[in-house]
Amino acid sequence: MKCCDYYAQCYFQNVKTAALPFITRGTRADYCLGEFTRCAIYKAARFHGIDKVPRYVSPGDRYELLPRIVENSSLRKASM
């Protein structure tokens, strides 16, 4: 089974799953170690870069909304 390309850098996998292991164990198995091409974080990271994906994005989020979220997040960081 292949692991997601962004597994080591993913905020969801590294921080959120550590805080809520009983809830996210299945999500990690489904997305990070399974069908990671369905993951919204993976899709956004491939298009924008993992460093541009906001930390509150979860694997099951709708990817269609993410380009605008990533753009807005980048604009906020640039104005700071």
N, C-alpha and C. Protein backbone atom coordinates (compact mmCIF):
# COMPACT_ATOMS: atom_id res chain seq x y z
N MET A 1 0.84 -1.17 0.00
CA MET A 1 0.00 0.00 0.00
C MET A 1 0.90 1.24 0.00
N LYS A 2 0.65 2.12 -0.95
CA LYS A 2 1.45 3.34 -1.05
C LYS A 2 0.90 4.42 -0.12
N CYS A 3 1.79 5.18 0.42
CA CYS A 3 1.46 6.27 1.34
C CYS A 3 1.40 7.58 0.54
N CYS A 4 0.64 8.53 1.02
CA CYS A 4 0.51 9.85 0.41
C CYS A 4 1.88 10.52 0.29
N ASP A 5 2.10 11.24 -0.80
CA ASP A 5 3.37 11.96 -1.03
C ASP A 5 3.62 13.04 0.03
N TYR A 6 2.55 13.54 0.63
CA TYR A 6 2.64 14.65 1.59
C TYR A 6 2.52 14.18 3.04
N TYR A 7 2.58 12.89 3.26
CA TYR A 7 2.37 12.31 4.58
C TYR A 7 3.26 12.94 5.65
N ALA A 8 4.52 13.10 5.36
CA ALA A 8 5.47 13.62 6.35
C ALA A 8 5.27 15.10 6.64
N GLN A 9 4.72 15.87 5.69
CA GLN A 9 4.56 17.31 5.86
C GLN A 9 3.13 17.73 6.21
N CYS A 10 2.20 16.82 6.19
CA CYS A 10 0.78 17.14 6.35
C CYS A 10 0.42 17.50 7.80
N TYR A 11 -0.14 18.68 7.97
CA TYR A 11 -0.55 19.15 9.29
C TYR A 11 -1.63 18.23 9.87
N PHE A 12 -2.57 17.81 9.05
CA PHE A 12 -3.64 16.92 9.51
C PHE A 12 -3.05 15.64 10.08
N GLN A 13 -2.17 15.03 9.33
CA GLN A 13 -1.59 13.74 9.73
C GLN A 13 -0.69 13.89 10.94
N ASN A 14 0.10 14.93 11.00
CA ASN A 14 1.10 15.09 12.07
C ASN A 14 0.56 15.70 13.35
N VAL A 15 -0.38 16.61 13.26
CA VAL A 15 -0.86 17.33 14.44
C VAL A 15 -2.28 16.93 14.83
N LYS A 16 -3.20 17.01 13.90
CA LYS A 16 -4.60 16.70 14.23
C LYS A 16 -4.80 15.25 14.64
N THR A 17 -4.15 14.33 13.95
CA THR A 17 -4.34 12.92 14.30
C THR A 17 -3.71 12.59 15.65
N ALA A 18 -2.68 13.33 16.03
CA ALA A 18 -2.06 13.12 17.34
C ALA A 18 -2.98 13.60 18.46
N ALA A 19 -3.75 14.66 18.20
CA ALA A 19 -4.65 15.21 19.21
C ALA A 19 -5.93 14.38 19.37
N LEU A 20 -6.38 13.76 18.30
CA LEU A 20 -7.63 12.98 18.33
C LEU A 20 -7.44 11.60 17.71
N PRO A 21 -6.60 10.77 18.27
CA PRO A 21 -6.26 9.50 17.62
C PRO A 21 -7.44 8.55 17.42
N PHE A 22 -8.38 8.53 18.33
CA PHE A 22 -9.50 7.60 18.21
C PHE A 22 -10.46 8.00 17.09
N ILE A 23 -10.55 9.28 16.77
CA ILE A 23 -11.43 9.74 15.70
C ILE A 23 -10.72 9.65 14.35
N THR A 24 -9.47 10.00 14.31
CA THR A 24 -8.78 10.13 13.03
C THR A 24 -8.05 8.88 12.56
N ARG A 25 -8.00 7.86 13.37
CA ARG A 25 -7.31 6.63 12.97
C ARG A 25 -7.90 6.07 11.67
N GLY A 26 -9.21 6.03 11.57
CA GLY A 26 -9.86 5.53 10.36
C GLY A 26 -9.67 6.47 9.19
N THR A 27 -9.71 7.75 9.46
CA THR A 27 -9.50 8.74 8.40
C THR A 27 -8.10 8.62 7.85
N ARG A 28 -7.12 8.47 8.72
CA ARG A 28 -5.73 8.30 8.28
C ARG A 28 -5.59 7.05 7.43
N ALA A 29 -6.20 5.96 7.86
CA ALA A 29 -6.12 4.71 7.10
C ALA A 29 -6.79 4.86 5.73
N ASP A 30 -7.92 5.56 5.69
CA ASP A 30 -8.65 5.75 4.44
C ASP A 30 -7.92 6.68 3.48
N TYR A 31 -7.43 7.79 3.98
CA TYR A 31 -6.85 8.81 3.11
C TYR A 31 -5.33 8.75 3.02
N CYS A 32 -4.63 8.83 4.13
CA CYS A 32 -3.16 8.93 4.12
C CYS A 32 -2.49 7.66 3.63
N LEU A 33 -3.04 6.53 4.01
CA LEU A 33 -2.43 5.25 3.67
C LEU A 33 -3.26 4.44 2.69
N GLY A 34 -4.37 5.02 2.25
CA GLY A 34 -5.26 4.30 1.35
C GLY A 34 -5.48 5.08 0.06
N GLU A 35 -6.68 5.55 -0.11
CA GLU A 35 -7.06 6.29 -1.31
C GLU A 35 -6.73 7.77 -1.16
N PHE A 36 -5.45 8.09 -1.05
CA PHE A 36 -5.06 9.48 -0.79
C PHE A 36 -5.40 10.42 -1.94
N THR A 37 -5.63 9.90 -3.14
CA THR A 37 -5.99 10.77 -4.26
C THR A 37 -7.39 11.36 -4.10
N ARG A 38 -8.18 10.84 -3.15
CA ARG A 38 -9.50 11.41 -2.85
C ARG A 38 -9.41 12.51 -1.80
N CYS A 39 -8.27 12.67 -1.17
CA CYS A 39 -8.08 13.60 -0.06
C CYS A 39 -8.02 15.05 -0.56
N ALA A 40 -8.80 15.92 0.07
CA ALA A 40 -8.81 17.34 -0.31
C ALA A 40 -7.45 17.99 -0.05
N ILE A 41 -6.77 17.59 1.01
CA ILE A 41 -5.45 18.14 1.31
C ILE A 41 -4.46 17.75 0.22
N TYR A 42 -4.49 16.50 -0.18
CA TYR A 42 -3.62 16.01 -1.24
C TYR A 42 -3.87 16.77 -2.54
N LYS A 43 -5.14 16.92 -2.90
CA LYS A 43 -5.48 17.62 -4.14
C LYS A 43 -5.01 19.07 -4.12
N ALA A 44 -5.25 19.75 -3.02
CA ALA A 44 -4.83 21.15 -2.90
C ALA A 44 -3.31 21.26 -2.90
N ALA A 45 -2.63 20.35 -2.22
CA ALA A 45 -1.17 20.38 -2.15
C ALA A 45 -0.55 20.14 -3.52
N ARG A 46 -1.12 19.27 -4.30
CA ARG A 46 -0.60 19.01 -5.64
C ARG A 46 -0.71 20.25 -6.51
N PHE A 47 -1.76 21.01 -6.34
CA PHE A 47 -1.99 22.19 -7.18
C PHE A 47 -1.30 23.43 -6.65
N HIS A 48 -1.34 23.64 -5.32
CA HIS A 48 -0.84 24.87 -4.71
C HIS A 48 0.44 24.70 -3.90
N GLY A 49 0.74 23.48 -3.48
CA GLY A 49 1.88 23.23 -2.59
C GLY A 49 1.37 22.99 -1.18
N ILE A 50 1.97 22.07 -0.47
CA ILE A 50 1.50 21.70 0.87
C ILE A 50 1.59 22.87 1.84
N ASP A 51 2.55 23.74 1.64
CA ASP A 51 2.72 24.90 2.53
C ASP A 51 1.61 25.94 2.38
N LYS A 52 0.84 25.87 1.30
CA LYS A 52 -0.25 26.82 1.07
C LYS A 52 -1.61 26.32 1.58
N VAL A 53 -1.69 25.05 1.95
CA VAL A 53 -2.95 24.47 2.40
C VAL A 53 -3.21 24.90 3.84
N PRO A 54 -4.34 25.58 4.11
CA PRO A 54 -4.64 26.01 5.48
C PRO A 54 -4.73 24.83 6.44
N ARG A 55 -4.34 25.05 7.67
CA ARG A 55 -4.28 23.96 8.67
C ARG A 55 -5.65 23.40 9.03
N TYR A 56 -6.70 24.15 8.82
CA TYR A 56 -8.04 23.67 9.21
C TYR A 56 -8.67 22.77 8.15
N VAL A 57 -8.04 22.59 7.02
CA VAL A 57 -8.59 21.73 5.97
C VAL A 57 -8.43 20.28 6.39
N SER A 58 -9.48 19.50 6.15
CA SER A 58 -9.48 18.08 6.47
C SER A 58 -9.59 17.26 5.19
N PRO A 59 -9.19 16.01 5.22
CA PRO A 59 -9.22 15.17 4.02
C PRO A 59 -10.59 15.08 3.35
N GLY A 60 -11.65 15.08 4.14
CA GLY A 60 -12.99 14.91 3.59
C GLY A 60 -13.65 16.19 3.11
N ASP A 61 -12.96 17.31 3.19
CA ASP A 61 -13.54 18.58 2.72
C ASP A 61 -13.74 18.53 1.21
N ARG A 62 -14.61 19.39 0.74
CA ARG A 62 -14.87 19.45 -0.70
C ARG A 62 -13.74 20.21 -1.39
N TYR A 63 -13.07 19.55 -2.28
CA TYR A 63 -11.93 20.17 -2.97
C TYR A 63 -12.34 21.36 -3.82
N GLU A 64 -13.54 21.36 -4.32
CA GLU A 64 -14.00 22.44 -5.18
C GLU A 64 -13.90 23.79 -4.48
N LEU A 65 -14.01 23.81 -3.16
CA LEU A 65 -13.94 25.05 -2.40
C LEU A 65 -12.51 25.46 -2.06
N LEU A 66 -11.59 24.54 -2.15
CA LEU A 66 -10.23 24.79 -1.67
C LEU A 66 -9.43 25.83 -2.46
N PRO A 67 -9.52 25.91 -3.79
CA PRO A 67 -8.72 26.93 -4.47
C PRO A 67 -8.97 28.34 -3.94
N ARG A 68 -10.21 28.67 -3.68
CA ARG A 68 -10.54 29.99 -3.14
C ARG A 68 -10.01 30.13 -1.71
N ILE A 69 -10.13 29.09 -0.91
CA ILE A 69 -9.64 29.11 0.47
C ILE A 69 -8.12 29.29 0.47
N VAL A 70 -7.42 28.57 -0.38
CA VAL A 70 -5.96 28.66 -0.44
C VAL A 70 -5.55 30.05 -0.91
N GLU A 71 -6.24 30.59 -1.92
CA GLU A 71 -5.96 31.95 -2.40
C GLU A 71 -6.13 32.96 -1.29
N ASN A 72 -7.25 32.90 -0.58
CA ASN A 72 -7.51 33.84 0.49
C ASN A 72 -6.49 33.71 1.61
N SER A 73 -6.10 32.50 1.92
CA SER A 73 -5.11 32.26 2.96
C SER A 73 -3.77 32.87 2.55
N SER A 74 -3.39 32.71 1.32
CA SER A 74 -2.13 33.26 0.82
C SER A 74 -2.17 34.77 0.82
N LEU A 75 -3.30 35.36 0.45
CA LEU A 75 -3.43 36.81 0.46
C LEU A 75 -3.31 37.38 1.87
N ARG A 76 -3.91 36.70 2.85
CA ARG A 76 -3.82 37.15 4.24
C ARG A 76 -2.37 37.11 4.74
N LYS A 77 -1.66 36.06 4.41
CA LYS A 77 -0.26 35.93 4.84
C LYS A 77 0.61 37.01 4.21
N ALA A 78 0.34 37.34 2.95
CA ALA A 78 1.13 38.35 2.25
C ALA A 78 0.90 39.74 2.81
N SER A 79 -0.30 40.01 3.31
CA SER A 79 -0.61 41.34 3.83
C SER A 79 -0.11 41.55 5.25
N MET A 80 0.34 40.48 5.91
CA MET A 80 0.82 40.59 7.30
C MET A 80 2.24 41.07 7.36
